[in-house]
Amino acid sequence: MNKQTILLVMKKAVPMLLFYLFFATILRLWEPIKNMFSGLPVDWTAEFAKIEYTRMLIFAVLVSVYVGYRELKRQQAREEITQPEN
C-alpha cells in the first residue's frame, strides 16, 4: 500500500472511529446519566474507570480501517468501469 492509499483509507476511517468511540461511551454511561437525572448519586470517577477504552479503541480502529479499505476498493472499481481501456 502506498502513501496515497493509506491517506484515502484514513480519510474514510477516522470519522467513523470518532463516532464509534463517542457512541460507545454514551452507551456505557447511559445508566449513570439516567441515575443523575433521577436524583440518585453517581460516582463519575468509578463509572469512567469501568470503561475499557483500550479494547474499544482497538476494535474501532480495526473496523474503521476495514470499512475505509472496502470503500477505497469500491471507489477504484467504479473508476475502472468508467475509464475505457484503449
PDB file of N, CA and C in Angstrom:
ATOM      1  N   MET A   1       0.848  -1.176   0.000  1.00  0.00           N
ATOM      2  CA  MET A   1       0.000   0.000   0.000  1.00  0.00           C
ATOM      3  C   MET A   1       0.893   1.239   0.000  1.00  0.00           C
ATOM      4  N   ASN A   2       0.564   2.160  -0.869  1.00  0.00           N
ATOM      5  CA  ASN A   2       1.359   3.379  -0.921  1.00  0.00           C
ATOM      6  C   ASN A   2       0.758   4.450  -0.005  1.00  0.00           C
ATOM      7  N   LYS A   3       1.415   5.583   0.067  1.00  0.00           N
ATOM      8  CA  LYS A   3       1.003   6.646   0.980  1.00  0.00           C
ATOM      9  C   LYS A   3      -0.386   7.179   0.632  1.00  0.00           C
ATOM     10  N   GLN A   4      -0.687   7.308  -0.656  1.00  0.00           N
ATOM     11  CA  GLN A   4      -1.984   7.828  -1.074  1.00  0.00           C
ATOM     12  C   GLN A   4      -3.111   6.883  -0.657  1.00  0.00           C
ATOM     13  N   THR A   5      -2.883   5.591  -0.778  1.00  0.00           N
ATOM     14  CA  THR A   5      -3.890   4.614  -0.377  1.00  0.00           C
ATOM     15  C   THR A   5      -4.157   4.704   1.116  1.00  0.00           C
ATOM     16  N   ILE A   6      -3.105   4.810   1.892  1.00  0.00           N
ATOM     17  CA  ILE A   6      -3.262   4.913   3.345  1.00  0.00           C
ATOM     18  C   ILE A   6      -4.028   6.175   3.708  1.00  0.00           C
ATOM     19  N   LEU A   7      -3.727   7.288   3.058  1.00  0.00           N
ATOM     20  CA  LEU A   7      -4.440   8.535   3.342  1.00  0.00           C
ATOM     21  C   LEU A   7      -5.916   8.432   2.976  1.00  0.00           C
ATOM     22  N   LEU A   8      -6.228   7.783   1.853  1.00  0.00           N
ATOM     23  CA  LEU A   8      -7.627   7.621   1.471  1.00  0.00           C
ATOM     24  C   LEU A   8      -8.378   6.738   2.458  1.00  0.00           C
ATOM     25  N   VAL A   9      -7.731   5.671   2.917  1.00  0.00           N
ATOM     26  CA  VAL A   9      -8.370   4.795   3.902  1.00  0.00           C
ATOM     27  C   VAL A   9      -8.610   5.561   5.199  1.00  0.00           C
ATOM     28  N   MET A  10      -7.628   6.323   5.648  1.00  0.00           N
ATOM     29  CA  MET A  10      -7.786   7.068   6.893  1.00  0.00           C
ATOM     30  C   MET A  10      -8.838   8.164   6.762  1.00  0.00           C
ATOM     31  N   LYS A  11      -8.972   8.735   5.564  1.00  0.00           N
ATOM     32  CA  LYS A  11      -9.994   9.757   5.338  1.00  0.00           C
ATOM     33  C   LYS A  11     -11.384   9.183   5.597  1.00  0.00           C
ATOM     34  N   LYS A  12     -11.582   7.925   5.240  1.00  0.00           N
ATOM     35  CA  LYS A  12     -12.861   7.264   5.488  1.00  0.00           C
ATOM     36  C   LYS A  12     -12.955   6.735   6.913  1.00  0.00           C
ATOM     37  N   ALA A  13     -11.827   6.302   7.480  1.00  0.00           N
ATOM     38  CA  ALA A  13     -11.849   5.590   8.752  1.00  0.00           C
ATOM     39  C   ALA A  13     -11.932   6.507   9.972  1.00  0.00           C
ATOM     40  N   VAL A  14     -11.269   7.638   9.948  1.00  0.00           N
ATOM     41  CA  VAL A  14     -11.184   8.480  11.138  1.00  0.00           C
ATOM     42  C   VAL A  14     -12.546   9.011  11.594  1.00  0.00           C
ATOM     43  N   PRO A  15     -13.407   9.540  10.716  1.00  0.00           N
ATOM     44  CA  PRO A  15     -14.717   9.984  11.202  1.00  0.00           C
ATOM     45  C   PRO A  15     -15.536   8.846  11.814  1.00  0.00           C
ATOM     46  N   MET A  16     -15.459   7.675  11.213  1.00  0.00           N
ATOM     47  CA  MET A  16     -16.181   6.529  11.763  1.00  0.00           C
ATOM     48  C   MET A  16     -15.611   6.136  13.123  1.00  0.00           C
ATOM     49  N   LEU A  17     -14.310   6.188  13.250  1.00  0.00           N
ATOM     50  CA  LEU A  17     -13.656   5.864  14.513  1.00  0.00           C
ATOM     51  C   LEU A  17     -14.105   6.814  15.616  1.00  0.00           C
ATOM     52  N   LEU A  18     -14.118   8.098  15.343  1.00  0.00           N
ATOM     53  CA  LEU A  18     -14.534   9.079  16.340  1.00  0.00           C
ATOM     54  C   LEU A  18     -16.000   8.903  16.716  1.00  0.00           C
ATOM     55  N   PHE A  19     -16.852   8.651  15.730  1.00  0.00           N
ATOM     56  CA  PHE A  19     -18.265   8.432  16.013  1.00  0.00           C
ATOM     57  C   PHE A  19     -18.457   7.196  16.877  1.00  0.00           C
ATOM     58  N   TYR A  20     -17.743   6.118  16.555  1.00  0.00           N
ATOM     59  CA  TYR A  20     -17.885   4.892  17.329  1.00  0.00           C
ATOM     60  C   TYR A  20     -17.463   5.103  18.777  1.00  0.00           C
ATOM     61  N   LEU A  21     -16.339   5.753  19.004  1.00  0.00           N
ATOM     62  CA  LEU A  21     -15.875   5.978  20.374  1.00  0.00           C
ATOM     63  C   LEU A  21     -16.856   6.844  21.155  1.00  0.00           C
ATOM     64  N   PHE A  22     -17.390   7.882  20.522  1.00  0.00           N
ATOM     65  CA  PHE A  22     -18.378   8.736  21.180  1.00  0.00           C
ATOM     66  C   PHE A  22     -19.637   7.945  21.507  1.00  0.00           C
ATOM     67  N   PHE A  23     -20.141   7.191  20.539  1.00  0.00           N
ATOM     68  CA  PHE A  23     -21.374   6.432  20.725  1.00  0.00           C
ATOM     69  C   PHE A  23     -21.198   5.351  21.789  1.00  0.00           C
ATOM     70  N   ALA A  24     -20.071   4.643  21.778  1.00  0.00           N
ATOM     71  CA  ALA A  24     -19.822   3.594  22.767  1.00  0.00           C
ATOM     72  C   ALA A  24     -19.705   4.180  24.173  1.00  0.00           C
ATOM     73  N   THR A  25     -19.110   5.356  24.294  1.00  0.00           N
ATOM     74  CA  THR A  25     -19.002   5.995  25.603  1.00  0.00           C
ATOM     75  C   THR A  25     -20.374   6.393  26.121  1.00  0.00           C
ATOM     76  N   ILE A  26     -21.204   6.959  25.267  1.00  0.00           N
ATOM     77  CA  ILE A  26     -22.556   7.348  25.679  1.00  0.00           C
ATOM     78  C   ILE A  26     -23.361   6.122  26.102  1.00  0.00           C
ATOM     79  N   LEU A  27     -23.253   5.029  25.341  1.00  0.00           N
ATOM     80  CA  LEU A  27     -23.972   3.810  25.721  1.00  0.00           C
ATOM     81  C   LEU A  27     -23.505   3.280  27.071  1.00  0.00           C
ATOM     82  N   ARG A  28     -22.208   3.332  27.315  1.00  0.00           N
ATOM     83  CA  ARG A  28     -21.678   2.822  28.581  1.00  0.00           C
ATOM     84  C   ARG A  28     -22.121   3.698  29.745  1.00  0.00           C
ATOM     85  N   LEU A  29     -22.293   4.980  29.503  1.00  0.00           N
ATOM     86  CA  LEU A  29     -22.672   5.899  30.575  1.00  0.00           C
ATOM     87  C   LEU A  29     -24.174   6.146  30.648  1.00  0.00           C
ATOM     88  N   TRP A  30     -24.977   5.385  29.908  1.00  0.00           N
ATOM     89  CA  TRP A  30     -26.413   5.631  29.875  1.00  0.00           C
ATOM     90  C   TRP A  30     -27.054   5.469  31.254  1.00  0.00           C
ATOM     91  N   GLU A  31     -26.719   4.391  31.967  1.00  0.00           N
ATOM     92  CA  GLU A  31     -27.299   4.166  33.297  1.00  0.00           C
ATOM     93  C   GLU A  31     -26.917   5.270  34.285  1.00  0.00           C
ATOM     94  N   PRO A  32     -25.643   5.654  34.390  1.00  0.00           N
ATOM     95  CA  PRO A  32     -25.313   6.759  35.299  1.00  0.00           C
ATOM     96  C   PRO A  32     -26.000   8.074  34.918  1.00  0.00           C
ATOM     97  N   ILE A  33     -26.165   8.312  33.621  1.00  0.00           N
ATOM     98  CA  ILE A  33     -26.854   9.537  33.193  1.00  0.00           C
ATOM     99  C   ILE A  33     -28.313   9.493  33.634  1.00  0.00           C
ATOM    100  N   LYS A  34     -28.962   8.333  33.463  1.00  0.00           N
ATOM    101  CA  LYS A  34     -30.351   8.199  33.932  1.00  0.00           C
ATOM    102  C   LYS A  34     -30.430   8.404  35.437  1.00  0.00           C
ATOM    103  N   ASN A  35     -29.490   7.820  36.175  1.00  0.00           N
ATOM    104  CA  ASN A  35     -29.482   7.977  37.629  1.00  0.00           C
ATOM    105  C   ASN A  35     -29.273   9.433  38.023  1.00  0.00           C
ATOM    106  N   MET A  36     -28.434  10.143  37.298  1.00  0.00           N
ATOM    107  CA  MET A  36     -28.171  11.541  37.599  1.00  0.00           C
ATOM    108  C   MET A  36     -29.454  12.362  37.463  1.00  0.00           C
ATOM    109  N   PHE A  37     -30.210  12.124  36.392  1.00  0.00           N
ATOM    110  CA  PHE A  37     -31.441  12.882  36.195  1.00  0.00           C
ATOM    111  C   PHE A  37     -32.561  12.414  37.112  1.00  0.00           C
ATOM    112  N   SER A  38     -32.426  11.225  37.683  1.00  0.00           N
ATOM    113  CA  SER A  38     -33.410  10.737  38.651  1.00  0.00           C
ATOM    114  C   SER A  38     -33.116  11.253  40.051  1.00  0.00           C
ATOM    115  N   GLY A  39     -31.990  11.887  40.228  1.00  0.00           N
ATOM    116  CA  GLY A  39     -31.635  12.429  41.530  1.00  0.00           C
ATOM    117  C   GLY A  39     -30.780  11.496  42.363  1.00  0.00           C
ATOM    118  N   LEU A  40     -30.393  10.357  41.823  1.00  0.00           N
ATOM    119  CA  LEU A  40     -29.546   9.424  42.558  1.00  0.00           C
ATOM    120  C   LEU A  40     -28.086   9.861  42.462  1.00  0.00           C
ATOM    121  N   PRO A  41     -27.301   9.585  43.497  1.00  0.00           N
ATOM    122  CA  PRO A  41     -25.880   9.967  43.427  1.00  0.00           C
ATOM    123  C   PRO A  41     -25.117   9.087  42.435  1.00  0.00           C
ATOM    124  N   VAL A  42     -24.177   9.697  41.744  1.00  0.00           N
ATOM    125  CA  VAL A  42     -23.380   8.974  40.753  1.00  0.00           C
ATOM    126  C   VAL A  42     -21.905   9.260  41.015  1.00  0.00           C
ATOM    127  N   ASP A  43     -21.104   8.202  41.088  1.00  0.00           N
ATOM    128  CA  ASP A  43     -19.655   8.335  41.234  1.00  0.00           C
ATOM    129  C   ASP A  43     -19.048   8.308  39.832  1.00  0.00           C
ATOM    130  N   TRP A  44     -18.836   9.495  39.252  1.00  0.00           N
ATOM    131  CA  TRP A  44     -18.379   9.571  37.867  1.00  0.00           C
ATOM    132  C   TRP A  44     -16.976   9.006  37.682  1.00  0.00           C
ATOM    133  N   THR A  45     -16.141   9.130  38.707  1.00  0.00           N
ATOM    134  CA  THR A  45     -14.782   8.587  38.603  1.00  0.00           C
ATOM    135  C   THR A  45     -14.826   7.078  38.410  1.00  0.00           C
ATOM    136  N   ALA A  46     -15.655   6.410  39.179  1.00  0.00           N
ATOM    137  CA  ALA A  46     -15.776   4.952  39.065  1.00  0.00           C
ATOM    138  C   ALA A  46     -16.402   4.558  37.736  1.00  0.00           C
ATOM    139  N   GLU A  47     -17.367   5.326  37.279  1.00  0.00           N
ATOM    140  CA  GLU A  47     -18.029   4.991  36.014  1.00  0.00           C
ATOM    141  C   GLU A  47     -17.063   5.111  34.838  1.00  0.00           C
ATOM    142  N   PHE A  48     -16.268   6.171  34.812  1.00  0.00           N
ATOM    143  CA  PHE A  48     -15.301   6.322  33.723  1.00  0.00           C
ATOM    144  C   PHE A  48     -14.184   5.286  33.822  1.00  0.00           C
ATOM    145  N   ALA A  49     -13.863   4.859  35.046  1.00  0.00           N
ATOM    146  CA  ALA A  49     -12.827   3.837  35.214  1.00  0.00           C
ATOM    147  C   ALA A  49     -13.287   2.488  34.669  1.00  0.00           C
ATOM    148  N   LYS A  50     -14.591   2.243  34.649  1.00  0.00           N
ATOM    149  CA  LYS A  50     -15.127   0.973  34.153  1.00  0.00           C
ATOM    150  C   LYS A  50     -15.040   0.858  32.635  1.00  0.00           C
ATOM    151  N   ILE A  51     -14.954   1.976  31.964  1.00  0.00           N
ATOM    152  CA  ILE A  51     -14.932   1.951  30.502  1.00  0.00           C
ATOM    153  C   ILE A  51     -13.577   1.437  30.036  1.00  0.00           C
ATOM    154  N   GLU A  52     -13.594   0.432  29.210  1.00  0.00           N
ATOM    155  CA  GLU A  52     -12.354  -0.160  28.708  1.00  0.00           C
ATOM    156  C   GLU A  52     -12.003   0.495  27.370  1.00  0.00           C
ATOM    157  N   TYR A  53     -11.367   1.651  27.461  1.00  0.00           N
ATOM    158  CA  TYR A  53     -11.074   2.407  26.252  1.00  0.00           C
ATOM    159  C   TYR A  53     -10.091   1.695  25.334  1.00  0.00           C
ATOM    160  N   THR A  54      -9.176   0.935  25.900  1.00  0.00           N
ATOM    161  CA  THR A  54      -8.189   0.259  25.052  1.00  0.00           C
ATOM    162  C   THR A  54      -8.864  -0.742  24.132  1.00  0.00           C
ATOM    163  N   ARG A  55      -9.726  -1.567  24.687  1.00  0.00           N
ATOM    164  CA  ARG A  55     -10.429  -2.559  23.877  1.00  0.00           C
ATOM    165  C   ARG A  55     -11.339  -1.876  22.856  1.00  0.00           C
ATOM    166  N   MET A  56     -12.040  -0.833  23.293  1.00  0.00           N
ATOM    167  CA  MET A  56     -12.913  -0.106  22.371  1.00  0.00           C
ATOM    168  C   MET A  56     -12.104   0.517  21.242  1.00  0.00           C
ATOM    169  N   LEU A  57     -10.955   1.073  21.570  1.00  0.00           N
ATOM    170  CA  LEU A  57     -10.133   1.732  20.562  1.00  0.00           C
ATOM    171  C   LEU A  57      -9.589   0.728  19.550  1.00  0.00           C
ATOM    172  N   ILE A  58      -9.115  -0.415  20.019  1.00  0.00           N
ATOM    173  CA  ILE A  58      -8.601  -1.438  19.100  1.00  0.00           C
ATOM    174  C   ILE A  58      -9.703  -1.905  18.162  1.00  0.00           C
ATOM    175  N   PHE A  59     -10.869  -2.195  18.711  1.00  0.00           N
ATOM    176  CA  PHE A  59     -11.989  -2.646  17.883  1.00  0.00           C
ATOM    177  C   PHE A  59     -12.395  -1.571  16.883  1.00  0.00           C
ATOM    178  N   ALA A  60     -12.479  -0.339  17.353  1.00  0.00           N
ATOM    179  CA  ALA A  60     -12.896   0.752  16.474  1.00  0.00           C
ATOM    180  C   ALA A  60     -11.894   0.985  15.353  1.00  0.00           C
ATOM    181  N   VAL A  61     -10.618   0.907  15.648  1.00  0.00           N
ATOM    182  CA  VAL A  61      -9.601   1.096  14.608  1.00  0.00           C
ATOM    183  C   VAL A  61      -9.694  -0.008  13.568  1.00  0.00           C
ATOM    184  N   LEU A  62      -9.821  -1.248  14.019  1.00  0.00           N
ATOM    185  CA  LEU A  62      -9.910  -2.360  13.072  1.00  0.00           C
ATOM    186  C   LEU A  62     -11.129  -2.233  12.164  1.00  0.00           C
ATOM    187  N   VAL A  63     -12.273  -1.945  12.744  1.00  0.00           N
ATOM    188  CA  VAL A  63     -13.491  -1.813  11.944  1.00  0.00           C
ATOM    189  C   VAL A  63     -13.393  -0.616  11.009  1.00  0.00           C
ATOM    190  N   SER A  64     -12.888   0.494  11.504  1.00  0.00           N
ATOM    191  CA  SER A  64     -12.793   1.699  10.685  1.00  0.00           C
ATOM    192  C   SER A  64     -11.852   1.514   9.504  1.00  0.00           C
ATOM    193  N   VAL A  65     -10.716   0.896   9.737  1.00  0.00           N
ATOM    194  CA  VAL A  65      -9.771   0.678   8.642  1.00  0.00           C
ATOM    195  C   VAL A  65     -10.350  -0.308   7.637  1.00  0.00           C
ATOM    196  N   TYR A  66     -11.035  -1.334   8.118  1.00  0.00           N
ATOM    197  CA  TYR A  66     -11.664  -2.290   7.197  1.00  0.00           C
ATOM    198  C   TYR A  66     -12.698  -1.594   6.316  1.00  0.00           C
ATOM    199  N   VAL A  67     -13.555  -0.789   6.923  1.00  0.00           N
ATOM    200  CA  VAL A  67     -14.587  -0.092   6.154  1.00  0.00           C
ATOM    201  C   VAL A  67     -13.949   0.910   5.194  1.00  0.00           C
ATOM    202  N   GLY A  68     -12.933   1.620   5.638  1.00  0.00           N
ATOM    203  CA  GLY A  68     -12.248   2.562   4.757  1.00  0.00           C
ATOM    204  C   GLY A  68     -11.588   1.869   3.580  1.00  0.00           C
ATOM    205  N   TYR A  69     -10.956   0.723   3.827  1.00  0.00           N
ATOM    206  CA  TYR A  69     -10.300  -0.027   2.758  1.00  0.00           C
ATOM    207  C   TYR A  69     -11.329  -0.581   1.777  1.00  0.00           C
ATOM    208  N   ARG A  70     -12.440  -1.073   2.296  1.00  0.00           N
ATOM    209  CA  ARG A  70     -13.501  -1.593   1.432  1.00  0.00           C
ATOM    210  C   ARG A  70     -14.071  -0.478   0.557  1.00  0.00           C
ATOM    211  N   GLU A  71     -14.262   0.698   1.134  1.00  0.00           N
ATOM    212  CA  GLU A  71     -14.767   1.840   0.368  1.00  0.00           C
ATOM    213  C   GLU A  71     -13.756   2.262  -0.697  1.00  0.00           C
ATOM    214  N   LEU A  72     -12.475   2.212  -0.372  1.00  0.00           N
ATOM    215  CA  LEU A  72     -11.441   2.538  -1.347  1.00  0.00           C
ATOM    216  C   LEU A  72     -11.475   1.560  -2.513  1.00  0.00           C
ATOM    217  N   LYS A  73     -11.592   0.275  -2.238  1.00  0.00           N
ATOM    218  CA  LYS A  73     -11.661  -0.726  -3.299  1.00  0.00           C
ATOM    219  C   LYS A  73     -12.909  -0.520  -4.158  1.00  0.00           C
ATOM    220  N   ARG A  74     -14.018  -0.164  -3.525  1.00  0.00           N
ATOM    221  CA  ARG A  74     -15.251   0.112  -4.257  1.00  0.00           C
ATOM    222  C   ARG A  74     -15.061   1.313  -5.181  1.00  0.00           C
ATOM    223  N   GLN A  75     -14.393   2.344  -4.680  1.00  0.00           N
ATOM    224  CA  GLN A  75     -14.132   3.542  -5.482  1.00  0.00           C
ATOM    225  C   GLN A  75     -13.215   3.214  -6.657  1.00  0.00           C
ATOM    226  N   GLN A  76     -12.190   2.408  -6.429  1.00  0.00           N
ATOM    227  CA  GLN A  76     -11.286   2.020  -7.507  1.00  0.00           C
ATOM    228  C   GLN A  76     -12.015   1.198  -8.567  1.00  0.00           C
ATOM    229  N   ALA A  77     -12.931   0.336  -8.148  1.00  0.00           N
ATOM    230  CA  ALA A  77     -13.696  -0.461  -9.106  1.00  0.00           C
ATOM    231  C   ALA A  77     -14.584   0.443  -9.956  1.00  0.00           C
ATOM    232  N   ARG A  78     -15.190   1.456  -9.332  1.00  0.00           N
ATOM    233  CA  ARG A  78     -16.014   2.407 -10.081  1.00  0.00           C
ATOM    234  C   ARG A  78     -15.179   3.153 -11.114  1.00  0.00           C
ATOM    235  N   GLU A  79     -13.971   3.555 -10.732  1.00  0.00           N
ATOM    236  CA  GLU A  79     -13.097   4.273 -11.659  1.00  0.00           C
ATOM    237  C   GLU A  79     -12.683   3.386 -12.826  1.00  0.00           C
ATOM    238  N   GLU A  80     -12.451   2.111 -12.577  1.00  0.00           N
ATOM    239  CA  GLU A  80     -12.078   1.196 -13.657  1.00  0.00           C
ATOM    240  C   GLU A  80     -13.224   1.005 -14.637  1.00  0.00           C
ATOM    241  N   ILE A  81     -14.442   0.996 -14.138  1.00  0.00           N
ATOM    242  CA  ILE A  81     -15.609   0.828 -15.010  1.00  0.00           C
ATOM    243  C   ILE A  81     -15.801   2.058 -15.884  1.00  0.00           C
ATOM    244  N   THR A  82     -15.605   3.249 -15.300  1.00  0.00           N
ATOM    245  CA  THR A  82     -15.850   4.480 -16.054  1.00  0.00           C
ATOM    246  C   THR A  82     -14.728   4.812 -17.027  1.00  0.00           C
ATOM    247  N   GLN A  83     -13.533   4.266 -16.840  1.00  0.00           N
ATOM    248  CA  GLN A  83     -12.414   4.550 -17.742  1.00  0.00           C
ATOM    249  C   GLN A  83     -12.281   3.416 -18.760  1.00  0.00           C
ATOM    250  N   PRO A  84     -12.598   3.691 -20.008  1.00  0.00           N
ATOM    251  CA  PRO A  84     -12.437   2.634 -21.019  1.00  0.00           C
ATOM    252  C   PRO A  84     -10.959   2.383 -21.298  1.00  0.00           C
ATOM    253  N   GLU A  85     -10.608   1.126 -21.452  1.00  0.00           N
ATOM    254  CA  GLU A  85      -9.216   0.784 -21.746  1.00  0.00           C
ATOM    255  C   GLU A  85      -8.991   0.826 -23.247  1.00  0.00           C
ATOM    256  N   ASN A  86      -7.883   1.404 -23.670  1.00  0.00           N
ATOM    257  CA  ASN A  86      -7.567   1.522 -25.100  1.00  0.00           C
ATOM    258  C   ASN A  86      -6.672   0.395 -25.539  1.00  0.00           C
TER     259      ASN A  86
END
